[in-house]
Amino acid sequence: MPYKANKHLPKRVKDNLPRGAQTIFRKAYNNAEKQYKDPKKRRGKASLTAVCNKVAWSAVKNEYKKKGGDWVKK
């Protein structure tokens, strides 16, 4: 299910990421959902949700890093 706005993101994402990182997560998740909807495009037997989360967190980690328990822009 694509996320239409940051307010619809999972609680663990909203509670841990700053607003900009939430937007990156949401956009990456939604793109991955379109790209990997077909199970043949996924590695192994990973679920669509697992793949989307992995892609989204990777996108966040490209722009942000964890410093002292908080996510900060690189």
C-alpha atoms as a PDB file:
ATOM      1  CA  MET A   1       0.000   0.000   0.000  1.00  0.00           C
ATOM      2  CA  PRO A   2       1.609   3.292  -1.028  1.00  0.00           C
ATOM      3  CA  TYR A   3       1.933   6.024   1.564  1.00  0.00           C
ATOM      4  CA  LYS A   4       0.183   9.211   0.417  1.00  0.00           C
ATOM      5  CA  ALA A   5       1.671  11.387   3.155  1.00  0.00           C
ATOM      6  CA  ASN A   6       4.268  11.158   5.912  1.00  0.00           C
ATOM      7  CA  LYS A   7       1.517  11.028   8.521  1.00  0.00           C
ATOM      8  CA  HIS A   8       0.585   7.582   7.167  1.00  0.00           C
ATOM      9  CA  LEU A   9       4.063   6.105   7.682  1.00  0.00           C
ATOM     10  CA  PRO A  10       4.590   3.393  10.302  1.00  0.00           C
ATOM     11  CA  LYS A  11       4.991   4.654  13.864  1.00  0.00           C
ATOM     12  CA  ARG A  12       8.602   3.447  14.086  1.00  0.00           C
ATOM     13  CA  VAL A  13       9.485   5.591  11.063  1.00  0.00           C
ATOM     14  CA  LYS A  14       7.624   8.698  12.253  1.00  0.00           C
ATOM     15  CA  ASP A  15       9.037   8.400  15.768  1.00  0.00           C
ATOM     16  CA  ASN A  16      12.657   7.981  14.660  1.00  0.00           C
ATOM     17  CA  LEU A  17      13.217   9.999  11.497  1.00  0.00           C
ATOM     18  CA  PRO A  18      13.171  13.775  10.986  1.00  0.00           C
ATOM     19  CA  ARG A  19      10.608  15.109   8.521  1.00  0.00           C
ATOM     20  CA  GLY A  20      12.998  15.249   5.545  1.00  0.00           C
ATOM     21  CA  ALA A  21      14.090  11.667   6.081  1.00  0.00           C
ATOM     22  CA  GLN A  22      10.460  10.598   6.387  1.00  0.00           C
ATOM     23  CA  THR A  23       9.792  12.060   2.949  1.00  0.00           C
ATOM     24  CA  ILE A  24      12.781  10.202   1.498  1.00  0.00           C
ATOM     25  CA  PHE A  25      11.537   6.981   3.116  1.00  0.00           C
ATOM     26  CA  ARG A  26       8.001   7.466   1.774  1.00  0.00           C
ATOM     27  CA  LYS A  27       9.066   8.236  -1.796  1.00  0.00           C
ATOM     28  CA  ALA A  28      11.580   5.379  -1.923  1.00  0.00           C
ATOM     29  CA  TYR A  29       9.053   2.942  -0.439  1.00  0.00           C
ATOM     30  CA  ASN A  30       6.383   3.937  -2.951  1.00  0.00           C
ATOM     31  CA  ASN A  31       8.818   3.657  -5.885  1.00  0.00           C
ATOM     32  CA  ALA A  32      10.012   0.242  -4.723  1.00  0.00           C
ATOM     33  CA  GLU A  33       6.431  -0.912  -4.426  1.00  0.00           C
ATOM     34  CA  LYS A  34       5.861  -0.118  -8.101  1.00  0.00           C
ATOM     35  CA  GLN A  35       9.207  -1.521  -9.212  1.00  0.00           C
ATOM     36  CA  TYR A  36       9.056  -4.810  -7.284  1.00  0.00           C
ATOM     37  CA  LYS A  37       5.323  -5.538  -7.413  1.00  0.00           C
ATOM     38  CA  ASP A  38       6.056  -8.527  -9.656  1.00  0.00           C
ATOM     39  CA  PRO A  39       7.584 -11.261  -7.432  1.00  0.00           C
ATOM     40  CA  LYS A  40       9.916 -12.250 -10.300  1.00  0.00           C
ATOM     41  CA  LYS A  41      11.743  -8.934  -9.865  1.00  0.00           C
ATOM     42  CA  ARG A  42      12.561  -9.659  -6.211  1.00  0.00           C
ATOM     43  CA  ARG A  43      15.507 -11.685  -4.945  1.00  0.00           C
ATOM     44  CA  GLY A  44      14.670 -14.970  -3.336  1.00  0.00           C
ATOM     45  CA  LYS A  45      11.286 -15.201  -1.713  1.00  0.00           C
ATOM     46  CA  ALA A  46      11.290 -11.791  -0.051  1.00  0.00           C
ATOM     47  CA  SER A  47       7.887 -10.227   0.486  1.00  0.00           C
ATOM     48  CA  LEU A  48       7.009  -6.962  -1.210  1.00  0.00           C
ATOM     49  CA  THR A  49       6.875  -5.220   2.169  1.00  0.00           C
ATOM     50  CA  ALA A  50      10.335  -6.482   3.137  1.00  0.00           C
ATOM     51  CA  VAL A  51      11.844  -5.336  -0.155  1.00  0.00           C
ATOM     52  CA  CYS A  52      10.170  -1.915   0.042  1.00  0.00           C
ATOM     53  CA  ASN A  53      11.380  -1.381   3.603  1.00  0.00           C
ATOM     54  CA  LYS A  54      14.928  -2.367   2.674  1.00  0.00           C
ATOM     55  CA  VAL A  55      14.958   0.027  -0.286  1.00  0.00           C
ATOM     56  CA  ALA A  56      13.437   2.860   1.762  1.00  0.00           C
ATOM     57  CA  TRP A  57      15.894   2.505   4.662  1.00  0.00           C
ATOM     58  CA  SER A  58      18.787   2.360   2.207  1.00  0.00           C
ATOM     59  CA  ALA A  59      17.611   5.613   0.613  1.00  0.00           C
ATOM     60  CA  VAL A  60      17.417   7.272   4.034  1.00  0.00           C
ATOM     61  CA  LYS A  61      20.930   6.065   4.909  1.00  0.00           C
ATOM     62  CA  ASN A  62      22.285   7.682   1.721  1.00  0.00           C
ATOM     63  CA  GLU A  63      21.258  11.119   3.017  1.00  0.00           C
ATOM     64  CA  TYR A  64      21.185  10.710   6.803  1.00  0.00           C
ATOM     65  CA  LYS A  65      23.313   9.064   9.476  1.00  0.00           C
ATOM     66  CA  LYS A  66      22.626   8.141  13.046  1.00  0.00           C
ATOM     67  CA  LYS A  67      24.473  10.324  15.543  1.00  0.00           C
ATOM     68  CA  GLY A  68      23.963   9.869  19.257  1.00  0.00           C
ATOM     69  CA  GLY A  69      20.667   8.084  18.741  1.00  0.00           C
ATOM     70  CA  ASP A  70      19.289  10.722  16.342  1.00  0.00           C
ATOM     71  CA  TRP A  71      19.171  10.753  12.557  1.00  0.00           C
ATOM     72  CA  VAL A  72      21.037  13.774  11.139  1.00  0.00           C
ATOM     73  CA  LYS A  73      21.709  14.922   7.585  1.00  0.00           C
ATOM     74  CA  LYS A  74      25.156  13.892   6.302  1.00  0.00           C
END
